Amino acid sequence: MIIQSKAYREYEKECLEQINALGINRMRINFPVNVMCLFFMPTKRKVDLQNLVSAAMDILVKGGVLEDDNCTIVYGNDGSRVLFDKDNPRTEVVIRDNRI
């Protein structure tokens, strides 16, 4: 069993609160989409983009936005990147329908 860090658990809690507040917690997307994640970090310290994207996917599934994060639903993470915003660190997620 993997035990998540305190920082991850706090991040997950904050994200799930936002998902619920926006009312997107029951979307359960089950068709092909691209999920672009923009991570605005408070420092320019190097971070692992793939770990951040993986965490975001897990939270979107747990929050009920995505039915699953397998490759038949999440076709890609095109455009995902780490940016810097000391004054307003945040994560922005853009989900685009790949059926179009």
Protein backbone atom coordinates (compact mmCIF):
# COMPACT_ATOMS: atom_id res chain seq x y z
CA MET A 1 0.00 0.00 0.00
CA ILE A 2 1.32 3.43 -0.95
CA ILE A 3 0.82 6.12 1.66
CA GLN A 4 0.62 9.61 0.16
CA SER A 5 2.53 12.49 1.73
CA LYS A 6 0.80 15.08 3.88
CA ALA A 7 1.38 17.70 1.14
CA TYR A 8 -0.29 15.46 -1.47
CA ARG A 9 -3.27 14.76 0.79
CA GLU A 10 -3.74 18.50 1.37
CA TYR A 11 -3.45 19.21 -2.38
CA GLU A 12 -5.94 16.46 -3.16
CA LYS A 13 -8.37 17.78 -0.54
CA GLU A 14 -8.19 21.31 -1.96
CA CYS A 15 -8.68 20.05 -5.52
CA LEU A 16 -11.67 17.90 -4.59
CA GLU A 17 -13.24 20.89 -2.81
CA GLN A 18 -12.86 22.95 -6.01
CA ILE A 19 -14.28 20.14 -8.15
CA ASN A 20 -17.31 19.91 -5.86
CA ALA A 21 -17.75 23.71 -5.71
CA LEU A 22 -17.75 23.90 -9.51
CA GLY A 23 -20.35 21.12 -9.69
CA ILE A 24 -18.29 18.98 -12.06
CA ASN A 25 -17.96 16.09 -9.63
CA ARG A 26 -20.45 13.89 -11.47
CA MET A 27 -19.35 14.35 -15.07
CA ARG A 28 -17.80 10.85 -15.27
CA ILE A 29 -16.30 11.52 -18.71
CA ASN A 30 -15.97 8.18 -20.52
CA PHE A 31 -15.07 9.25 -24.06
CA PRO A 32 -11.70 10.23 -25.59
CA VAL A 33 -10.34 13.52 -24.24
CA ASN A 34 -7.09 15.43 -24.03
CA VAL A 35 -6.39 16.67 -20.50
CA MET A 36 -3.99 19.62 -20.45
CA CYS A 37 -2.69 20.52 -17.00
CA LEU A 38 -0.94 23.80 -16.29
CA PHE A 39 0.88 23.77 -12.98
CA PHE A 40 1.73 27.27 -11.74
CA MET A 41 4.36 26.72 -9.08
CA PRO A 42 5.35 29.23 -6.35
CA THR A 43 9.07 28.69 -6.97
CA LYS A 44 11.28 27.87 -9.95
CA ARG A 45 12.46 24.68 -8.26
CA LYS A 46 12.61 21.72 -10.63
CA VAL A 47 9.65 19.35 -10.34
CA ASP A 48 8.64 16.16 -12.13
CA LEU A 49 5.91 17.02 -14.65
CA GLN A 50 4.84 13.41 -15.09
CA ASN A 51 4.26 12.98 -11.35
CA LEU A 52 2.16 16.17 -11.31
CA VAL A 53 0.08 15.00 -14.29
CA SER A 54 -0.38 11.57 -12.70
CA ALA A 55 -1.61 13.18 -9.48
CA ALA A 56 -4.02 15.40 -11.41
CA MET A 57 -5.43 12.39 -13.29
CA ASP A 58 -5.92 10.45 -10.05
CA ILE A 59 -7.72 13.42 -8.49
CA LEU A 60 -9.97 13.90 -11.54
CA VAL A 61 -10.98 10.23 -11.30
CA LYS A 62 -11.49 10.36 -7.54
CA GLY A 63 -13.48 13.58 -7.95
CA GLY A 64 -15.83 12.01 -10.49
CA VAL A 65 -14.77 14.17 -13.44
CA LEU A 66 -13.24 11.25 -15.36
CA GLU A 67 -14.60 7.71 -15.26
CA ASP A 68 -11.03 6.45 -15.51
CA ASP A 69 -7.64 7.73 -16.63
CA ASN A 70 -6.81 4.84 -18.95
CA CYS A 71 -5.67 5.45 -22.53
CA THR A 72 -9.13 4.90 -24.06
CA ILE A 73 -10.43 7.93 -22.17
CA VAL A 74 -7.37 10.15 -21.63
CA TYR A 75 -5.83 10.09 -25.09
CA GLY A 76 -3.16 12.58 -24.14
CA ASN A 77 -1.91 15.37 -21.95
CA ASP A 78 -0.85 17.60 -24.83
CA GLY A 79 0.16 21.06 -23.68
CA SER A 80 0.72 20.14 -20.03
CA ARG A 81 3.56 22.08 -18.48
CA VAL A 82 5.01 23.66 -15.36
CA LEU A 83 4.93 27.44 -15.11
CA PHE A 84 5.91 29.94 -12.41
CA ASP A 85 3.57 32.24 -10.46
CA LYS A 86 4.93 33.23 -7.07
CA ASP A 87 1.82 35.22 -6.15
CA ASN A 88 -0.87 32.80 -7.34
CA PRO A 89 0.28 29.16 -7.44
CA ARG A 90 -2.44 26.95 -8.87
CA THR A 91 -3.37 24.15 -11.23
CA GLU A 92 -5.49 24.80 -14.30
CA VAL A 93 -7.03 21.89 -16.18
CA VAL A 94 -8.44 22.05 -19.70
CA ILE A 95 -10.34 19.00 -20.95
CA ARG A 96 -10.95 18.83 -24.70
CA ASP A 97 -13.19 16.32 -26.45
CA ASN A 98 -11.08 14.23 -28.86
CA ARG A 99 -14.12 12.96 -30.77
CA ILE A 100 -14.36 16.21 -32.74
